[in-house]
N, C-alpha and C. Protein backbone atom coordinates (compact mmCIF):
# COMPACT_ATOMS: atom_id res chain seq x y z
N UNK A 1 2.68 17.05 42.74
CA UNK A 1 1.40 17.62 42.36
C UNK A 1 1.55 19.13 42.22
N UNK A 2 0.80 19.72 41.32
CA UNK A 2 0.79 21.18 41.16
C UNK A 2 -0.62 21.64 40.82
N UNK A 3 -0.87 22.90 41.08
CA UNK A 3 -2.19 23.48 40.83
C UNK A 3 -2.02 24.80 40.10
N UNK A 4 -2.80 25.01 39.06
CA UNK A 4 -2.81 26.27 38.33
C UNK A 4 -4.26 26.73 38.31
N UNK A 5 -4.67 27.50 39.30
CA UNK A 5 -6.06 27.94 39.41
C UNK A 5 -6.10 29.41 39.78
N UNK A 6 -6.92 30.15 39.07
CA UNK A 6 -7.11 31.57 39.31
C UNK A 6 -8.58 31.81 39.58
N UNK A 7 -8.88 32.58 40.62
CA UNK A 7 -10.24 33.01 40.91
C UNK A 7 -10.24 34.53 40.98
N UNK A 8 -11.07 35.16 40.17
CA UNK A 8 -11.14 36.62 40.13
C UNK A 8 -12.59 37.08 40.25
N UNK A 9 -12.76 38.23 40.88
CA UNK A 9 -14.05 38.89 40.98
C UNK A 9 -13.79 40.34 40.65
N UNK A 10 -14.36 40.81 39.53
CA UNK A 10 -14.07 42.18 39.12
C UNK A 10 -15.03 42.69 38.08
N UNK A 11 -14.67 43.82 37.48
CA UNK A 11 -15.50 44.50 36.49
C UNK A 11 -14.82 44.48 35.12
N UNK A 12 -15.62 44.22 34.10
CA UNK A 12 -15.12 44.17 32.72
C UNK A 12 -14.79 45.60 32.28
N UNK A 13 -13.60 45.76 31.69
CA UNK A 13 -13.12 47.08 31.29
C UNK A 13 -13.48 47.48 29.88
N UNK A 14 -13.83 46.52 29.03
CA UNK A 14 -14.22 46.83 27.65
C UNK A 14 -15.06 45.68 27.12
N UNK A 15 -15.83 45.95 26.09
CA UNK A 15 -16.64 44.89 25.48
C UNK A 15 -15.72 43.78 24.96
N UNK A 16 -16.18 42.54 25.01
CA UNK A 16 -15.35 41.43 24.51
C UNK A 16 -15.05 41.58 23.02
N UNK A 17 -13.82 41.24 22.65
CA UNK A 17 -13.43 41.18 21.24
C UNK A 17 -13.54 39.72 20.81
N UNK A 18 -14.37 39.46 19.80
CA UNK A 18 -14.62 38.09 19.35
C UNK A 18 -13.90 37.85 18.04
N UNK A 19 -13.23 36.70 17.95
CA UNK A 19 -12.61 36.29 16.69
C UNK A 19 -12.78 34.77 16.58
N UNK A 20 -12.44 34.24 15.43
CA UNK A 20 -12.58 32.81 15.21
C UNK A 20 -11.23 32.21 14.83
N UNK A 21 -10.88 31.11 15.47
CA UNK A 21 -9.65 30.38 15.18
C UNK A 21 -10.09 28.98 14.75
N UNK A 22 -9.87 28.66 13.47
CA UNK A 22 -10.30 27.37 12.92
C UNK A 22 -11.76 27.08 13.27
N UNK A 23 -12.62 28.04 13.03
CA UNK A 23 -14.07 27.97 13.27
C UNK A 23 -14.46 27.88 14.75
N UNK A 24 -13.53 28.09 15.66
CA UNK A 24 -13.83 28.10 17.10
C UNK A 24 -13.86 29.56 17.58
N UNK A 25 -14.95 29.98 18.23
CA UNK A 25 -15.01 31.35 18.71
C UNK A 25 -14.09 31.56 19.92
N UNK A 26 -13.43 32.73 19.94
CA UNK A 26 -12.56 33.12 21.05
C UNK A 26 -12.94 34.54 21.45
N UNK A 27 -13.15 34.76 22.74
CA UNK A 27 -13.44 36.10 23.26
C UNK A 27 -12.26 36.54 24.11
N UNK A 28 -11.84 37.78 23.91
CA UNK A 28 -10.79 38.37 24.73
C UNK A 28 -11.35 39.62 25.38
N UNK A 29 -11.12 39.77 26.68
CA UNK A 29 -11.60 40.95 27.38
C UNK A 29 -10.70 41.25 28.56
N UNK A 30 -10.85 42.43 29.12
CA UNK A 30 -10.05 42.87 30.26
C UNK A 30 -10.94 42.93 31.50
N UNK A 31 -10.39 42.47 32.63
CA UNK A 31 -11.11 42.48 33.89
C UNK A 31 -10.28 43.25 34.91
N UNK A 32 -10.93 44.18 35.61
CA UNK A 32 -10.26 44.97 36.64
C UNK A 32 -10.62 44.45 38.02
N UNK A 33 -9.60 44.25 38.85
CA UNK A 33 -9.82 43.93 40.25
C UNK A 33 -9.16 45.04 41.06
N UNK A 34 -9.78 45.41 42.18
CA UNK A 34 -9.27 46.52 42.98
C UNK A 34 -9.10 46.14 44.43
N UNK A 35 -8.05 46.68 45.03
CA UNK A 35 -7.86 46.59 46.47
C UNK A 35 -8.23 47.95 47.04
N UNK A 36 -9.01 47.95 48.10
CA UNK A 36 -9.47 49.21 48.68
C UNK A 36 -8.32 50.03 49.25
N UNK A 37 -8.52 51.34 49.27
CA UNK A 37 -7.58 52.22 49.95
C UNK A 37 -7.72 51.97 51.45
N UNK A 38 -6.61 52.11 52.16
CA UNK A 38 -6.66 51.86 53.60
C UNK A 38 -5.57 52.64 54.30
N UNK A 39 -5.66 52.68 55.60
CA UNK A 39 -4.63 53.29 56.43
C UNK A 39 -4.13 52.23 57.40
N UNK A 40 -2.81 52.06 57.46
CA UNK A 40 -2.23 51.06 58.34
C UNK A 40 -2.31 51.53 59.80
N UNK A 41 -2.01 50.61 60.70
CA UNK A 41 -2.06 50.96 62.13
C UNK A 41 -1.02 52.02 62.48
N UNK A 42 0.03 52.14 61.66
CA UNK A 42 1.06 53.15 61.88
C UNK A 42 0.66 54.50 61.29
N UNK A 43 -0.53 54.57 60.64
CA UNK A 43 -1.01 55.83 60.08
C UNK A 43 -0.62 56.07 58.64
N UNK A 44 0.01 55.09 57.99
CA UNK A 44 0.40 55.22 56.59
C UNK A 44 -0.82 55.01 55.70
N UNK A 45 -1.03 55.93 54.78
CA UNK A 45 -2.16 55.83 53.86
C UNK A 45 -1.74 55.06 52.61
N UNK A 46 -2.48 54.02 52.29
CA UNK A 46 -2.22 53.22 51.09
C UNK A 46 -3.38 53.44 50.12
N UNK A 47 -3.10 53.97 48.92
CA UNK A 47 -4.18 54.27 47.97
C UNK A 47 -4.79 53.01 47.37
N UNK A 48 -5.97 53.19 46.76
CA UNK A 48 -6.60 52.09 46.05
C UNK A 48 -5.69 51.64 44.92
N UNK A 49 -5.68 50.32 44.67
CA UNK A 49 -4.84 49.77 43.61
C UNK A 49 -5.70 48.89 42.71
N UNK A 50 -5.65 49.17 41.42
CA UNK A 50 -6.40 48.39 40.43
C UNK A 50 -5.44 47.58 39.59
N UNK A 51 -5.76 46.31 39.44
CA UNK A 51 -4.97 45.38 38.63
C UNK A 51 -5.83 44.98 37.43
N UNK A 52 -5.23 44.95 36.22
CA UNK A 52 -5.95 44.55 35.01
C UNK A 52 -5.52 43.16 34.60
N UNK A 53 -6.49 42.33 34.21
CA UNK A 53 -6.24 40.95 33.82
C UNK A 53 -6.80 40.72 32.42
N UNK A 54 -6.04 39.98 31.60
CA UNK A 54 -6.51 39.63 30.26
C UNK A 54 -7.18 38.27 30.34
N UNK A 55 -8.46 38.22 29.94
CA UNK A 55 -9.21 36.97 29.96
C UNK A 55 -9.36 36.44 28.55
N UNK A 56 -9.28 35.12 28.41
CA UNK A 56 -9.50 34.45 27.13
C UNK A 56 -10.57 33.39 27.35
N UNK A 57 -11.63 33.45 26.55
CA UNK A 57 -12.73 32.47 26.63
C UNK A 57 -12.89 31.79 25.28
N UNK A 58 -13.09 30.48 25.30
CA UNK A 58 -13.26 29.72 24.08
C UNK A 58 -14.66 29.13 23.97
N UNK A 59 -15.07 28.83 22.76
CA UNK A 59 -16.27 28.06 22.44
C UNK A 59 -17.53 28.63 23.09
N UNK A 60 -18.28 27.82 23.87
CA UNK A 60 -19.56 28.29 24.44
C UNK A 60 -19.37 29.48 25.37
N UNK A 61 -18.27 29.50 26.13
CA UNK A 61 -18.00 30.66 26.98
C UNK A 61 -17.85 31.92 26.13
N UNK A 62 -17.18 31.81 25.00
CA UNK A 62 -16.99 32.96 24.12
C UNK A 62 -18.33 33.43 23.54
N UNK A 63 -19.18 32.50 23.14
CA UNK A 63 -20.50 32.87 22.59
C UNK A 63 -21.36 33.54 23.65
N UNK A 64 -21.31 33.04 24.88
CA UNK A 64 -22.06 33.66 25.98
C UNK A 64 -21.52 35.05 26.26
N UNK A 65 -20.21 35.20 26.25
CA UNK A 65 -19.59 36.51 26.47
C UNK A 65 -20.03 37.51 25.40
N UNK A 66 -20.06 37.05 24.16
CA UNK A 66 -20.46 37.93 23.05
C UNK A 66 -21.89 38.43 23.24
N UNK A 67 -22.78 37.57 23.74
CA UNK A 67 -24.19 37.95 23.89
C UNK A 67 -24.46 38.81 25.12
N UNK A 68 -23.81 38.49 26.24
CA UNK A 68 -24.25 39.05 27.51
C UNK A 68 -23.26 39.94 28.25
N UNK A 69 -21.99 39.87 27.92
CA UNK A 69 -21.00 40.65 28.67
C UNK A 69 -20.69 41.95 27.95
N UNK A 70 -20.72 43.04 28.70
CA UNK A 70 -20.39 44.37 28.18
C UNK A 70 -19.49 45.07 29.19
N UNK A 71 -18.91 46.17 28.77
CA UNK A 71 -18.10 46.98 29.67
C UNK A 71 -18.93 47.30 30.92
N UNK A 72 -18.33 47.11 32.09
CA UNK A 72 -19.02 47.39 33.34
C UNK A 72 -19.67 46.18 33.99
N UNK A 73 -19.77 45.06 33.26
CA UNK A 73 -20.35 43.84 33.81
C UNK A 73 -19.47 43.34 34.96
N UNK A 74 -20.09 42.93 36.05
CA UNK A 74 -19.36 42.36 37.18
C UNK A 74 -19.32 40.84 36.99
N UNK A 75 -18.09 40.28 37.02
CA UNK A 75 -17.89 38.85 36.73
C UNK A 75 -17.16 38.13 37.86
N UNK A 76 -17.55 36.89 38.07
CA UNK A 76 -16.79 35.95 38.88
C UNK A 76 -16.18 34.96 37.89
N UNK A 77 -14.86 34.76 37.94
CA UNK A 77 -14.16 33.96 36.94
C UNK A 77 -13.27 32.92 37.63
N UNK A 78 -13.28 31.70 37.08
CA UNK A 78 -12.33 30.67 37.48
C UNK A 78 -11.61 30.20 36.21
N UNK A 79 -10.30 30.06 36.32
CA UNK A 79 -9.54 29.62 35.16
C UNK A 79 -8.12 29.29 35.53
N UNK A 80 -7.24 29.35 34.53
CA UNK A 80 -5.83 29.04 34.76
C UNK A 80 -4.95 30.06 34.04
N UNK A 81 -3.75 30.26 34.58
CA UNK A 81 -2.79 31.19 33.99
C UNK A 81 -2.08 30.53 32.81
N UNK A 82 -1.92 31.30 31.75
CA UNK A 82 -1.13 30.86 30.60
C UNK A 82 -0.26 32.04 30.19
N UNK A 83 1.00 31.78 29.94
CA UNK A 83 1.92 32.81 29.46
C UNK A 83 2.36 32.42 28.06
N UNK A 84 2.33 33.38 27.17
CA UNK A 84 2.79 33.11 25.80
C UNK A 84 3.72 34.21 25.34
N UNK A 85 4.58 33.87 24.42
CA UNK A 85 5.57 34.80 23.89
C UNK A 85 5.45 34.80 22.37
N UNK A 86 5.57 35.97 21.77
CA UNK A 86 5.58 36.05 20.32
C UNK A 86 6.52 37.17 19.89
N UNK A 87 6.86 37.16 18.61
CA UNK A 87 7.76 38.15 18.05
C UNK A 87 7.01 38.96 17.01
N UNK A 88 7.10 40.29 17.08
CA UNK A 88 6.39 41.13 16.12
C UNK A 88 7.22 41.32 14.85
N UNK A 89 6.71 42.16 13.95
CA UNK A 89 7.37 42.37 12.66
C UNK A 89 8.78 42.93 12.81
N UNK A 90 9.01 43.68 13.89
CA UNK A 90 10.31 44.29 14.13
C UNK A 90 11.23 43.39 14.96
N UNK A 91 10.89 42.12 15.03
CA UNK A 91 11.62 41.11 15.80
C UNK A 91 11.77 41.46 17.28
N UNK A 92 10.78 42.15 17.81
CA UNK A 92 10.74 42.44 19.24
C UNK A 92 9.88 41.37 19.91
N UNK A 93 10.43 40.74 20.95
CA UNK A 93 9.70 39.70 21.66
C UNK A 93 8.73 40.32 22.66
N UNK A 94 7.53 39.77 22.69
CA UNK A 94 6.49 40.21 23.62
C UNK A 94 6.06 39.00 24.44
N UNK A 95 5.80 39.23 25.71
CA UNK A 95 5.29 38.18 26.59
C UNK A 95 4.03 38.69 27.25
N UNK A 96 3.01 37.84 27.30
CA UNK A 96 1.74 38.21 27.93
C UNK A 96 1.26 37.05 28.78
N UNK A 97 0.69 37.39 29.94
CA UNK A 97 0.09 36.38 30.80
C UNK A 97 -1.42 36.59 30.75
N UNK A 98 -2.15 35.51 30.47
CA UNK A 98 -3.60 35.58 30.32
C UNK A 98 -4.26 34.57 31.24
N UNK A 99 -5.52 34.78 31.52
CA UNK A 99 -6.31 33.82 32.26
C UNK A 99 -7.21 33.12 31.26
N UNK A 100 -7.03 31.81 31.09
CA UNK A 100 -7.91 31.02 30.25
C UNK A 100 -9.08 30.60 31.12
N UNK A 101 -10.25 31.12 30.80
CA UNK A 101 -11.44 30.96 31.64
C UNK A 101 -12.05 29.57 31.46
N UNK A 102 -12.23 28.87 32.59
CA UNK A 102 -12.93 27.59 32.59
C UNK A 102 -14.42 27.81 32.83
N UNK A 103 -14.74 28.57 33.89
CA UNK A 103 -16.14 28.89 34.21
C UNK A 103 -16.23 30.33 34.65
N UNK A 104 -17.42 30.91 34.48
CA UNK A 104 -17.65 32.27 34.95
C UNK A 104 -19.13 32.46 35.26
N UNK A 105 -19.41 33.45 36.09
CA UNK A 105 -20.78 33.84 36.39
C UNK A 105 -20.91 35.33 36.24
N UNK A 106 -22.00 35.76 35.61
CA UNK A 106 -22.30 37.17 35.49
C UNK A 106 -23.04 37.57 36.77
N UNK A 107 -22.43 38.45 37.56
CA UNK A 107 -23.03 38.84 38.84
C UNK A 107 -23.95 40.05 38.70
N UNK A 108 -23.58 40.97 37.82
CA UNK A 108 -24.46 42.11 37.54
C UNK A 108 -24.10 42.67 36.18
N UNK A 109 -25.07 43.28 35.55
CA UNK A 109 -24.87 43.86 34.23
C UNK A 109 -24.86 45.37 34.38
N UNK A 110 -24.17 46.09 33.50
CA UNK A 110 -24.15 47.56 33.59
C UNK A 110 -25.55 48.12 33.33
N UNK A 111 -25.82 49.25 33.95
CA UNK A 111 -27.12 49.89 33.75
C UNK A 111 -27.20 50.44 32.33
N UNK A 112 -28.35 50.27 31.71
CA UNK A 112 -28.57 50.78 30.35
C UNK A 112 -28.87 52.27 30.43
N UNK A 113 -28.27 53.05 29.54
CA UNK A 113 -28.49 54.51 29.54
C UNK A 113 -29.42 54.91 28.44
């Protein structure tokens, strides 16, 4: 048995980019998760660390993302890791790991200015 499950709670770094693949909507966005700065018991100071995650949403999730998610939105996400490799025009191989979102909840929306 094996499990491929990712749970993230973070803030959206940019508005979702929407595209269509064979008439199916796909949303791509970045999510930031942060670990707080802290000091160890030995007195060592560890700075805050932010990790960026690439999210991919399909179909109804993508349509919901397009309508309601903006930069600064706080999201709870459940999904699975997918790694893909491609070659660019200069025959350079690129590898990217993405989270394919199964479910998500919008926890808060950015304040309107």
